[in-house]
């Protein structure tokens, strides 16, 4: 899911199965007029439709972010609850929630007015090699992972948990990424090593939990922002550290881990397992996009395949 991912072909389109809510300029105007009238004179301009949300820019630095399917409501509430307190940790810009919108007869889901992070997502403008990006990413994650998460931080059964707790059919995963013979054997060895790595023993850390290319913002090849914190949760930081292969150019994972500094060998091994899972997910969503299926993103497939090559080549 991404605030900037893949501009939709049709304004007002929603993701996935048919929805009975049309999000358009008139709706956004009405919502602002009803709940934030001081913003009502700012003309909404369609920006993007992502995996879960549709975005309408208002003014120069704000965006109205509306969930376009019911399953995304908890992402909205999660960001509204936790991101304002976390945002000051980061040197990188993030889409800080400034106003909340409550469900109404006009739009029966919560929504948010956030800051806009200018740039392009990395699935359309990859990070440039040979830059400070490994250090920038390491600094962001180091700040996020510093200290235990609060006791009431949300958990996520699919992120931040031991890899062995996930319902992964590895034979199917290999088939989905077209891995056969020696390549499948290499993936199996990597996966088995990640499963065998000692589990995270420290207190749970805050996790972004969805650091893939569509959820970072790039300008002139540089990492300039991180977006979409809807999956914020607490758990094993290895879930986030897979970004070393999902986001950075070939050969730069080592520089990232050198800058991050606090990841031991077991954490890196678990992070490689997470990278395999996330890369496979990107490939699957990319393939759906190639076929024109709802929710598919054609730009995600190449990003996923490149990430899989990088994690296989590491070490």
C-alpha atoms as a PDB file:
ATOM      1  CA  UNK A   1       0.000   0.000   0.000  1.00  0.00           C
ATOM      2  CA  UNK A   2       1.284   3.425  -0.830  1.00  0.00           C
ATOM      3  CA  UNK A   3       0.245   7.027  -0.647  1.00  0.00           C
ATOM      4  CA  UNK A   4       1.924   7.731  -3.991  1.00  0.00           C
ATOM      5  CA  UNK A   5       1.755   4.359  -5.701  1.00  0.00           C
ATOM      6  CA  UNK A   6       0.508   4.000  -9.262  1.00  0.00           C
ATOM      7  CA  UNK A   7      -1.731   6.841 -10.354  1.00  0.00           C
ATOM      8  CA  UNK A   8      -5.048   5.261 -11.284  1.00  0.00           C
ATOM      9  CA  UNK A   9      -6.313   5.588 -14.797  1.00  0.00           C
ATOM     10  CA  UNK A  10      -9.741   6.776 -13.668  1.00  0.00           C
ATOM     11  CA  UNK A  11     -10.389   9.376 -11.028  1.00  0.00           C
ATOM     12  CA  UNK A  12     -12.862   7.929  -8.540  1.00  0.00           C
ATOM     13  CA  UNK A  13     -11.737   4.347  -9.119  1.00  0.00           C
ATOM     14  CA  UNK A  14     -11.530   2.131  -6.055  1.00  0.00           C
ATOM     15  CA  UNK A  15      -9.341  -0.880  -5.399  1.00  0.00           C
ATOM     16  CA  UNK A  16     -10.415  -4.476  -5.488  1.00  0.00           C
ATOM     17  CA  UNK A  17     -13.970  -5.718  -5.366  1.00  0.00           C
ATOM     18  CA  UNK A  18     -16.809  -3.413  -6.338  1.00  0.00           C
ATOM     19  CA  UNK A  19     -17.505  -0.673  -3.806  1.00  0.00           C
ATOM     20  CA  UNK A  20     -20.661   1.381  -3.446  1.00  0.00           C
ATOM     21  CA  UNK A  21     -18.785   4.564  -2.578  1.00  0.00           C
ATOM     22  CA  UNK A  22     -17.582   6.853  -5.340  1.00  0.00           C
ATOM     23  CA  UNK A  23     -14.748   9.064  -4.163  1.00  0.00           C
ATOM     24  CA  UNK A  24     -14.645  12.225  -6.251  1.00  0.00           C
ATOM     25  CA  UNK A  25     -13.977  15.951  -5.937  1.00  0.00           C
ATOM     26  CA  UNK A  26     -17.527  16.676  -4.803  1.00  0.00           C
ATOM     27  CA  UNK A  27     -17.264  14.165  -1.968  1.00  0.00           C
ATOM     28  CA  UNK A  28     -13.940  15.564  -0.759  1.00  0.00           C
ATOM     29  CA  UNK A  29     -15.309  19.105  -0.846  1.00  0.00           C
ATOM     30  CA  UNK A  30     -18.366  18.051   1.147  1.00  0.00           C
ATOM     31  CA  UNK A  31     -16.313  16.243   3.770  1.00  0.00           C
ATOM     32  CA  UNK A  32     -14.030  19.231   4.282  1.00  0.00           C
ATOM     33  CA  UNK A  33     -16.964  21.642   4.401  1.00  0.00           C
ATOM     34  CA  UNK A  34     -18.732  19.519   7.011  1.00  0.00           C
ATOM     35  CA  UNK A  35     -15.833  18.654   9.297  1.00  0.00           C
ATOM     36  CA  UNK A  36     -12.964  21.057   8.535  1.00  0.00           C
ATOM     37  CA  UNK A  37     -14.593  24.179   7.065  1.00  0.00           C
ATOM     38  CA  UNK A  38     -11.394  26.217   7.337  1.00  0.00           C
ATOM     39  CA  UNK A  39      -9.974  23.942   4.598  1.00  0.00           C
ATOM     40  CA  UNK A  40     -13.079  23.954   2.403  1.00  0.00           C
ATOM     41  CA  UNK A  41     -11.831  26.737   0.103  1.00  0.00           C
ATOM     42  CA  UNK A  42      -8.832  24.633  -0.973  1.00  0.00           C
ATOM     43  CA  UNK A  43      -9.813  22.939  -4.232  1.00  0.00           C
ATOM     44  CA  UNK A  44      -9.227  19.158  -4.089  1.00  0.00           C
ATOM     45  CA  UNK A  45      -6.975  17.783  -6.853  1.00  0.00           C
ATOM     46  CA  UNK A  46      -6.849  14.063  -7.487  1.00  0.00           C
ATOM     47  CA  UNK A  47      -3.413  12.647  -6.687  1.00  0.00           C
ATOM     48  CA  UNK A  48      -3.408   8.845  -6.646  1.00  0.00           C
ATOM     49  CA  UNK A  49      -5.202   5.619  -5.840  1.00  0.00           C
ATOM     50  CA  UNK A  50      -3.098   3.218  -3.832  1.00  0.00           C
ATOM     51  CA  UNK A  51      -3.666  -0.275  -2.514  1.00  0.00           C
ATOM     52  CA  UNK A  52      -6.039   0.882   0.215  1.00  0.00           C
ATOM     53  CA  UNK A  53      -6.511   4.636  -0.081  1.00  0.00           C
ATOM     54  CA  UNK A  54      -7.356   7.372  -2.519  1.00  0.00           C
ATOM     55  CA  UNK A  55      -5.553  10.712  -2.216  1.00  0.00           C
ATOM     56  CA  UNK A  56      -6.696  14.227  -3.011  1.00  0.00           C
ATOM     57  CA  UNK A  57      -4.267  17.093  -2.630  1.00  0.00           C
ATOM     58  CA  UNK A  58      -5.467  20.370  -1.150  1.00  0.00           C
ATOM     59  CA  UNK A  59      -3.305  23.466  -1.121  1.00  0.00           C
ATOM     60  CA  UNK A  60       0.446  23.098  -1.533  1.00  0.00           C
ATOM     61  CA  UNK A  61       1.312  20.786   1.320  1.00  0.00           C
ATOM     62  CA  UNK A  62      -1.755  18.800   2.391  1.00  0.00           C
ATOM     63  CA  UNK A  63      -3.534  15.689   1.186  1.00  0.00           C
ATOM     64  CA  UNK A  64      -6.888  14.158   2.062  1.00  0.00           C
ATOM     65  CA  UNK A  65      -6.445  10.404   2.467  1.00  0.00           C
ATOM     66  CA  UNK A  66      -9.610   8.308   2.265  1.00  0.00           C
ATOM     67  CA  UNK A  67      -9.837   4.518   2.599  1.00  0.00           C
ATOM     68  CA  UNK A  68     -11.409   3.064  -0.508  1.00  0.00           C
ATOM     69  CA  UNK A  69     -12.249  -0.273   1.078  1.00  0.00           C
ATOM     70  CA  UNK A  70     -13.527  -1.298   4.479  1.00  0.00           C
ATOM     71  CA  UNK A  71     -10.487  -3.421   5.292  1.00  0.00           C
ATOM     72  CA  UNK A  72      -8.334  -0.289   5.340  1.00  0.00           C
ATOM     73  CA  UNK A  73     -10.221   1.413   8.178  1.00  0.00           C
ATOM     74  CA  UNK A  74      -7.961  -0.036  10.840  1.00  0.00           C
ATOM     75  CA  UNK A  75      -4.931   1.390   8.984  1.00  0.00           C
ATOM     76  CA  UNK A  76      -6.473   4.850   9.291  1.00  0.00           C
ATOM     77  CA  UNK A  77      -7.120   4.512  12.995  1.00  0.00           C
ATOM     78  CA  UNK A  78      -3.673   3.022  13.546  1.00  0.00           C
ATOM     79  CA  UNK A  79      -1.939   5.984  11.902  1.00  0.00           C
ATOM     80  CA  UNK A  80      -4.141   8.520  13.644  1.00  0.00           C
ATOM     81  CA  UNK A  81      -3.405   6.939  17.016  1.00  0.00           C
ATOM     82  CA  UNK A  82       0.343   6.408  16.803  1.00  0.00           C
ATOM     83  CA  UNK A  83       2.066   8.308  14.006  1.00  0.00           C
ATOM     84  CA  UNK A  84       1.860  11.836  15.493  1.00  0.00           C
ATOM     85  CA  UNK A  85       3.923  10.667  18.468  1.00  0.00           C
ATOM     86  CA  UNK A  86       6.471   8.836  16.333  1.00  0.00           C
ATOM     87  CA  UNK A  87       6.960  11.404  13.549  1.00  0.00           C
ATOM     88  CA  UNK A  88       9.306  13.669  15.587  1.00  0.00           C
ATOM     89  CA  UNK A  89      11.807  10.819  15.772  1.00  0.00           C
ATOM     90  CA  UNK A  90      12.513  10.942  12.062  1.00  0.00           C
ATOM     91  CA  UNK A  91      14.867  13.123  10.044  1.00  0.00           C
ATOM     92  CA  UNK A  92      12.964  12.038   6.914  1.00  0.00           C
ATOM     93  CA  UNK A  93       9.571  13.579   6.113  1.00  0.00           C
ATOM     94  CA  UNK A  94       6.551  11.367   6.796  1.00  0.00           C
ATOM     95  CA  UNK A  95       2.848  12.058   6.120  1.00  0.00           C
ATOM     96  CA  UNK A  96       1.936  13.333   9.574  1.00  0.00           C
ATOM     97  CA  UNK A  97      -1.798  13.257  10.367  1.00  0.00           C
ATOM     98  CA  UNK A  98      -2.980  16.812  11.036  1.00  0.00           C
ATOM     99  CA  UNK A  99      -6.769  16.466  10.988  1.00  0.00           C
ATOM    100  CA  UNK A 100      -9.064  13.502  11.493  1.00  0.00           C
ATOM    101  CA  UNK A 101     -12.310  12.912   9.670  1.00  0.00           C
ATOM    102  CA  UNK A 102     -15.006  10.843  11.313  1.00  0.00           C
ATOM    103  CA  UNK A 103     -17.481   8.512   9.599  1.00  0.00           C
ATOM    104  CA  UNK A 104     -20.629  10.258   8.446  1.00  0.00           C
ATOM    105  CA  UNK A 105     -23.677   9.623   6.304  1.00  0.00           C
ATOM    106  CA  UNK A 106     -21.769  11.076   3.357  1.00  0.00           C
ATOM    107  CA  UNK A 107     -18.733   8.813   3.865  1.00  0.00           C
ATOM    108  CA  UNK A 108     -19.057   6.022   6.452  1.00  0.00           C
ATOM    109  CA  UNK A 109     -15.322   5.561   7.139  1.00  0.00           C
ATOM    110  CA  UNK A 110     -12.711   7.562   9.034  1.00  0.00           C
ATOM    111  CA  UNK A 111     -10.302   9.616   6.954  1.00  0.00           C
ATOM    112  CA  UNK A 112      -7.320  11.884   7.477  1.00  0.00           C
ATOM    113  CA  UNK A 113      -5.735  15.126   6.323  1.00  0.00           C
ATOM    114  CA  UNK A 114      -1.966  14.667   6.316  1.00  0.00           C
ATOM    115  CA  UNK A 115       1.123  16.441   5.131  1.00  0.00           C
ATOM    116  CA  UNK A 116       2.159  15.671   1.545  1.00  0.00           C
ATOM    117  CA  UNK A 117       5.620  14.193   0.936  1.00  0.00           C
ATOM    118  CA  UNK A 118       6.722  15.315  -2.553  1.00  0.00           C
ATOM    119  CA  UNK A 119       8.553  12.917  -4.836  1.00  0.00           C
ATOM    120  CA  UNK A 120       8.027   9.602  -6.602  1.00  0.00           C
ATOM    121  CA  UNK A 121       7.700   6.089  -5.134  1.00  0.00           C
ATOM    122  CA  UNK A 122      10.701   3.828  -5.627  1.00  0.00           C
ATOM    123  CA  UNK A 123       8.801   1.357  -7.783  1.00  0.00           C
ATOM    124  CA  UNK A 124       8.738   4.127 -10.412  1.00  0.00           C
ATOM    125  CA  UNK A 125      11.967   5.954  -9.537  1.00  0.00           C
ATOM    126  CA  UNK A 126      14.443   3.541  -7.896  1.00  0.00           C
ATOM    127  CA  UNK A 127      17.055   4.724  -5.440  1.00  0.00           C
ATOM    128  CA  UNK A 128      20.321   5.635  -7.150  1.00  0.00           C
ATOM    129  CA  UNK A 129      23.456   3.603  -6.364  1.00  0.00           C
ATOM    130  CA  UNK A 130      26.557   5.045  -4.776  1.00  0.00           C
ATOM    131  CA  UNK A 131      24.751   7.596  -2.609  1.00  0.00           C
ATOM    132  CA  UNK A 132      24.053   8.115   1.088  1.00  0.00           C
ATOM    133  CA  UNK A 133      20.808   6.153   0.832  1.00  0.00           C
ATOM    134  CA  UNK A 134      22.011   3.163   2.918  1.00  0.00           C
ATOM    135  CA  UNK A 135      22.905   5.519   5.765  1.00  0.00           C
ATOM    136  CA  UNK A 136      19.656   7.473   5.390  1.00  0.00           C
ATOM    137  CA  UNK A 137      17.563   4.302   5.536  1.00  0.00           C
ATOM    138  CA  UNK A 138      19.601   2.972   8.470  1.00  0.00           C
ATOM    139  CA  UNK A 139      19.126   6.224  10.375  1.00  0.00           C
ATOM    140  CA  UNK A 140      15.368   6.132   9.794  1.00  0.00           C
ATOM    141  CA  UNK A 141      15.028   2.549  10.993  1.00  0.00           C
ATOM    142  CA  UNK A 142      17.431   3.093  13.859  1.00  0.00           C
ATOM    143  CA  UNK A 143      15.253   5.944  15.093  1.00  0.00           C
ATOM    144  CA  UNK A 144      12.075   3.885  14.701  1.00  0.00           C
ATOM    145  CA  UNK A 145      13.523   0.822  16.445  1.00  0.00           C
ATOM    146  CA  UNK A 146      15.089   2.700  19.357  1.00  0.00           C
ATOM    147  CA  UNK A 147      13.809   1.437  22.688  1.00  0.00           C
ATOM    148  CA  UNK A 148      10.891  -0.867  23.441  1.00  0.00           C
ATOM    149  CA  UNK A 149       7.499  -0.128  21.921  1.00  0.00           C
ATOM    150  CA  UNK A 150       4.798   0.727  24.497  1.00  0.00           C
ATOM    151  CA  UNK A 151       2.926  -2.169  26.063  1.00  0.00           C
ATOM    152  CA  UNK A 152      -0.264  -1.228  24.214  1.00  0.00           C
ATOM    153  CA  UNK A 153       1.363  -0.959  20.784  1.00  0.00           C
ATOM    154  CA  UNK A 154      -0.577  -2.986  18.212  1.00  0.00           C
ATOM    155  CA  UNK A 155       0.493  -6.468  17.216  1.00  0.00           C
ATOM    156  CA  UNK A 156       0.156  -7.902  13.728  1.00  0.00           C
ATOM    157  CA  UNK A 157      -0.086 -11.673  13.167  1.00  0.00           C
ATOM    158  CA  UNK A 158       1.610 -11.299   9.801  1.00  0.00           C
ATOM    159  CA  UNK A 159       4.462  -8.927  10.704  1.00  0.00           C
ATOM    160  CA  UNK A 160       7.021  -8.808  13.500  1.00  0.00           C
ATOM    161  CA  UNK A 161       6.374 -12.427  14.478  1.00  0.00           C
ATOM    162  CA  UNK A 162       8.639 -15.498  14.155  1.00  0.00           C
ATOM    163  CA  UNK A 163       8.821 -16.669  10.568  1.00  0.00           C
ATOM    164  CA  UNK A 164       7.805 -20.148  11.666  1.00  0.00           C
ATOM    165  CA  UNK A 165       4.468 -18.728  12.839  1.00  0.00           C
ATOM    166  CA  UNK A 166       3.517 -17.718   9.294  1.00  0.00           C
ATOM    167  CA  UNK A 167       1.450 -20.069   7.091  1.00  0.00           C
ATOM    168  CA  UNK A 168       3.992 -20.242   4.275  1.00  0.00           C
ATOM    169  CA  UNK A 169       3.738 -22.955   1.622  1.00  0.00           C
ATOM    170  CA  UNK A 170       7.305 -22.726   0.405  1.00  0.00           C
ATOM    171  CA  UNK A 171       6.803 -24.999  -2.590  1.00  0.00           C
ATOM    172  CA  UNK A 172       4.038 -22.707  -3.780  1.00  0.00           C
ATOM    173  CA  UNK A 173       6.207 -19.657  -3.129  1.00  0.00           C
ATOM    174  CA  UNK A 174       8.936 -21.104  -5.343  1.00  0.00           C
ATOM    175  CA  UNK A 175       6.404 -21.802  -8.067  1.00  0.00           C
ATOM    176  CA  UNK A 176       5.001 -18.288  -7.771  1.00  0.00           C
ATOM    177  CA  UNK A 177       8.444 -16.733  -8.331  1.00  0.00           C
ATOM    178  CA  UNK A 178       9.348 -19.247 -11.092  1.00  0.00           C
ATOM    179  CA  UNK A 179      12.157 -20.769  -9.023  1.00  0.00           C
ATOM    180  CA  UNK A 180      13.123 -24.251 -10.160  1.00  0.00           C
ATOM    181  CA  UNK A 181      16.107 -26.563  -9.795  1.00  0.00           C
ATOM    182  CA  UNK A 182      19.198 -24.929  -8.335  1.00  0.00           C
ATOM    183  CA  UNK A 183      17.410 -21.640  -7.821  1.00  0.00           C
ATOM    184  CA  UNK A 184      14.647 -23.266  -5.783  1.00  0.00           C
ATOM    185  CA  UNK A 185      17.294 -25.096  -3.772  1.00  0.00           C
ATOM    186  CA  UNK A 186      19.078 -21.818  -3.044  1.00  0.00           C
ATOM    187  CA  UNK A 187      15.829 -20.209  -1.905  1.00  0.00           C
ATOM    188  CA  UNK A 188      15.035 -23.216   0.277  1.00  0.00           C
ATOM    189  CA  UNK A 189      18.479 -23.051   1.907  1.00  0.00           C
ATOM    190  CA  UNK A 190      18.055 -19.341   2.590  1.00  0.00           C
ATOM    191  CA  UNK A 191      14.569 -19.877   4.021  1.00  0.00           C
ATOM    192  CA  UNK A 192      15.635 -22.791   6.211  1.00  0.00           C
ATOM    193  CA  UNK A 193      18.538 -20.713   7.533  1.00  0.00           C
ATOM    194  CA  UNK A 194      16.163 -17.869   8.397  1.00  0.00           C
ATOM    195  CA  UNK A 195      13.850 -20.279  10.218  1.00  0.00           C
ATOM    196  CA  UNK A 196      16.792 -21.740  12.132  1.00  0.00           C
ATOM    197  CA  UNK A 197      18.113 -18.352  13.268  1.00  0.00           C
ATOM    198  CA  UNK A 198      17.618 -17.608  16.979  1.00  0.00           C
ATOM    199  CA  UNK A 199      14.417 -15.676  17.622  1.00  0.00           C
ATOM    200  CA  UNK A 200      14.282 -12.045  18.714  1.00  0.00           C
ATOM    201  CA  UNK A 201      14.705 -12.088  22.504  1.00  0.00           C
ATOM    202  CA  UNK A 202      14.493  -8.392  23.353  1.00  0.00           C
ATOM    203  CA  UNK A 203      11.374  -6.293  23.923  1.00  0.00           C
ATOM    204  CA  UNK A 204       9.241  -5.654  20.818  1.00  0.00           C
ATOM    205  CA  UNK A 205      10.271  -2.628  18.774  1.00  0.00           C
ATOM    206  CA  UNK A 206       8.129  -0.268  16.730  1.00  0.00           C
ATOM    207  CA  UNK A 207       7.941  -1.452  13.108  1.00  0.00           C
ATOM    208  CA  UNK A 208       6.847   0.301   9.949  1.00  0.00           C
ATOM    209  CA  UNK A 209       6.073  -3.255   8.777  1.00  0.00           C
ATOM    210  CA  UNK A 210       5.418  -2.376   5.120  1.00  0.00           C
ATOM    211  CA  UNK A 211       8.705  -1.030   3.755  1.00  0.00           C
ATOM    212  CA  UNK A 212       8.510  -1.901   0.090  1.00  0.00           C
ATOM    213  CA  UNK A 213       9.363   0.323  -2.897  1.00  0.00           C
ATOM    214  CA  UNK A 214       5.929   1.946  -3.231  1.00  0.00           C
ATOM    215  CA  UNK A 215       6.116   3.148   0.372  1.00  0.00           C
ATOM    216  CA  UNK A 216       9.237   5.277   0.143  1.00  0.00           C
ATOM    217  CA  UNK A 217       9.576   8.573  -1.687  1.00  0.00           C
ATOM    218  CA  UNK A 218      12.478   9.336  -4.025  1.00  0.00           C
ATOM    219  CA  UNK A 219      13.689  12.560  -5.568  1.00  0.00           C
ATOM    220  CA  UNK A 220      16.707  12.680  -7.914  1.00  0.00           C
ATOM    221  CA  UNK A 221      17.642   9.167  -6.813  1.00  0.00           C
ATOM    222  CA  UNK A 222      17.702  10.051  -3.112  1.00  0.00           C
ATOM    223  CA  UNK A 223      15.494   8.700  -0.340  1.00  0.00           C
ATOM    224  CA  UNK A 224      13.515  11.744   0.807  1.00  0.00           C
ATOM    225  CA  UNK A 225      10.518  10.322   2.658  1.00  0.00           C
ATOM    226  CA  UNK A 226       8.707   7.291   4.036  1.00  0.00           C
ATOM    227  CA  UNK A 227       4.948   6.927   3.697  1.00  0.00           C
ATOM    228  CA  UNK A 228       2.046   4.646   4.576  1.00  0.00           C
ATOM    229  CA  UNK A 229       2.351   3.766   8.241  1.00  0.00           C
ATOM    230  CA  UNK A 230      -0.972   1.933   8.382  1.00  0.00           C
ATOM    231  CA  UNK A 231       0.704  -1.347   9.352  1.00  0.00           C
ATOM    232  CA  UNK A 232       2.560   0.161  12.336  1.00  0.00           C
ATOM    233  CA  UNK A 233       3.010  -2.554  14.924  1.00  0.00           C
ATOM    234  CA  UNK A 234       5.460  -3.904  17.473  1.00  0.00           C
ATOM    235  CA  UNK A 235       7.706  -6.924  17.089  1.00  0.00           C
ATOM    236  CA  UNK A 236      10.961  -8.242  15.658  1.00  0.00           C
ATOM    237  CA  UNK A 237      12.889  -5.511  13.770  1.00  0.00           C
ATOM    238  CA  UNK A 238      13.986  -8.101  11.215  1.00  0.00           C
ATOM    239  CA  UNK A 239      10.618  -7.472   9.558  1.00  0.00           C
ATOM    240  CA  UNK A 240      11.753  -3.948   8.651  1.00  0.00           C
ATOM    241  CA  UNK A 241      15.389  -4.787   7.984  1.00  0.00           C
ATOM    242  CA  UNK A 242      14.396  -6.738   4.887  1.00  0.00           C
ATOM    243  CA  UNK A 243      14.238  -3.254   3.334  1.00  0.00           C
ATOM    244  CA  UNK A 244      18.004  -3.541   2.827  1.00  0.00           C
ATOM    245  CA  UNK A 245      17.246  -5.778  -0.162  1.00  0.00           C
ATOM    246  CA  UNK A 246      13.776  -4.564  -1.104  1.00  0.00           C
ATOM    247  CA  UNK A 247      14.801  -0.912  -1.488  1.00  0.00           C
ATOM    248  CA  UNK A 248      18.538  -0.435  -1.923  1.00  0.00           C
ATOM    249  CA  UNK A 249      20.508  -1.009  -5.149  1.00  0.00           C
ATOM    250  CA  UNK A 250      22.646  -4.083  -5.748  1.00  0.00           C
ATOM    251  CA  UNK A 251      25.443  -4.600  -3.245  1.00  0.00           C
ATOM    252  CA  UNK A 252      24.363  -1.904  -0.770  1.00  0.00           C
ATOM    253  CA  UNK A 253      22.843  -4.092   1.947  1.00  0.00           C
ATOM    254  CA  UNK A 254      26.226  -4.418   3.659  1.00  0.00           C
ATOM    255  CA  UNK A 255      26.616  -0.641   3.863  1.00  0.00           C
ATOM    256  CA  UNK A 256      23.119  -0.449   5.319  1.00  0.00           C
ATOM    257  CA  UNK A 257      23.832  -2.985   8.060  1.00  0.00           C
ATOM    258  CA  UNK A 258      27.160  -1.326   8.842  1.00  0.00           C
ATOM    259  CA  UNK A 259      25.312   1.969   9.356  1.00  0.00           C
ATOM    260  CA  UNK A 260      22.435   0.393  11.299  1.00  0.00           C
ATOM    261  CA  UNK A 261      25.113  -1.230  13.496  1.00  0.00           C
ATOM    262  CA  UNK A 262      22.934  -3.062  16.026  1.00  0.00           C
ATOM    263  CA  UNK A 263      21.686  -6.010  13.961  1.00  0.00           C
ATOM    264  CA  UNK A 264      23.369  -9.250  15.023  1.00  0.00           C
ATOM    265  CA  UNK A 265      23.892 -12.208  12.705  1.00  0.00           C
ATOM    266  CA  UNK A 266      20.646 -13.889  13.742  1.00  0.00           C
ATOM    267  CA  UNK A 267      18.620 -10.759  13.000  1.00  0.00           C
ATOM    268  CA  UNK A 268      20.184 -10.436   9.553  1.00  0.00           C
ATOM    269  CA  UNK A 269      19.367 -14.075   8.842  1.00  0.00           C
ATOM    270  CA  UNK A 270      15.738 -13.559   9.839  1.00  0.00           C
ATOM    271  CA  UNK A 271      15.623 -10.362   7.764  1.00  0.00           C
ATOM    272  CA  UNK A 272      16.687 -12.352   4.683  1.00  0.00           C
ATOM    273  CA  UNK A 273      13.719 -14.651   5.218  1.00  0.00           C
ATOM    274  CA  UNK A 274      11.389 -11.655   5.428  1.00  0.00           C
ATOM    275  CA  UNK A 275      12.947 -10.294   2.231  1.00  0.00           C
ATOM    276  CA  UNK A 276      12.095 -13.516   0.388  1.00  0.00           C
ATOM    277  CA  UNK A 277       8.468 -13.306   1.531  1.00  0.00           C
ATOM    278  CA  UNK A 278       8.082  -9.638   0.677  1.00  0.00           C
ATOM    279  CA  UNK A 279       9.793 -10.007  -2.707  1.00  0.00           C
ATOM    280  CA  UNK A 280       7.469 -12.894  -3.564  1.00  0.00           C
ATOM    281  CA  UNK A 281       4.497 -10.727  -2.605  1.00  0.00           C
ATOM    282  CA  UNK A 282       5.675  -7.918  -4.874  1.00  0.00           C
ATOM    283  CA  UNK A 283       6.123 -10.363  -7.744  1.00  0.00           C
ATOM    284  CA  UNK A 284       2.605 -11.722  -7.257  1.00  0.00           C
ATOM    285  CA  UNK A 285       1.013  -8.266  -7.182  1.00  0.00           C
ATOM    286  CA  UNK A 286       3.062  -7.300 -10.222  1.00  0.00           C
ATOM    287  CA  UNK A 287       1.853 -10.349 -12.121  1.00  0.00           C
ATOM    288  CA  UNK A 288      -1.743  -9.448 -11.260  1.00  0.00           C
ATOM    289  CA  UNK A 289      -1.070  -5.984 -12.661  1.00  0.00           C
ATOM    290  CA  UNK A 290       0.325  -7.435 -15.862  1.00  0.00           C
ATOM    291  CA  UNK A 291      -2.931  -9.341 -16.254  1.00  0.00           C
ATOM    292  CA  UNK A 292      -5.063  -6.290 -15.540  1.00  0.00           C
ATOM    293  CA  UNK A 293      -6.530  -7.803 -12.379  1.00  0.00           C
ATOM    294  CA  UNK A 294      -7.972  -5.592  -9.607  1.00  0.00           C
ATOM    295  CA  UNK A 295      -5.312  -4.508  -7.145  1.00  0.00           C
ATOM    296  CA  UNK A 296      -2.452  -5.437  -9.435  1.00  0.00           C
ATOM    297  CA  UNK A 297       0.544  -3.116  -9.782  1.00  0.00           C
ATOM    298  CA  UNK A 298       2.705  -3.770 -12.874  1.00  0.00           C
ATOM    299  CA  UNK A 299       5.637  -1.792 -11.439  1.00  0.00           C
ATOM    300  CA  UNK A 300       5.864  -4.043  -8.393  1.00  0.00           C
ATOM    301  CA  UNK A 301       6.924  -7.162 -10.282  1.00  0.00           C
ATOM    302  CA  UNK A 302      10.315  -5.872 -11.477  1.00  0.00           C
ATOM    303  CA  UNK A 303      10.991  -4.446  -8.012  1.00  0.00           C
ATOM    304  CA  UNK A 304      10.235  -7.822  -6.435  1.00  0.00           C
ATOM    305  CA  UNK A 305      12.383  -9.781  -8.867  1.00  0.00           C
ATOM    306  CA  UNK A 306      15.312  -7.405  -8.350  1.00  0.00           C
ATOM    307  CA  UNK A 307      14.959  -7.726  -4.581  1.00  0.00           C
ATOM    308  CA  UNK A 308      14.957 -11.517  -4.815  1.00  0.00           C
ATOM    309  CA  UNK A 309      18.197 -11.433  -6.808  1.00  0.00           C
ATOM    310  CA  UNK A 310      19.810  -9.147  -4.241  1.00  0.00           C
ATOM    311  CA  UNK A 311      18.883 -11.274  -1.242  1.00  0.00           C
ATOM    312  CA  UNK A 312      20.101 -14.436  -2.961  1.00  0.00           C
ATOM    313  CA  UNK A 313      23.421 -12.746  -3.762  1.00  0.00           C
ATOM    314  CA  UNK A 314      23.974 -11.430  -0.225  1.00  0.00           C
ATOM    315  CA  UNK A 315      26.729 -12.995   1.841  1.00  0.00           C
END
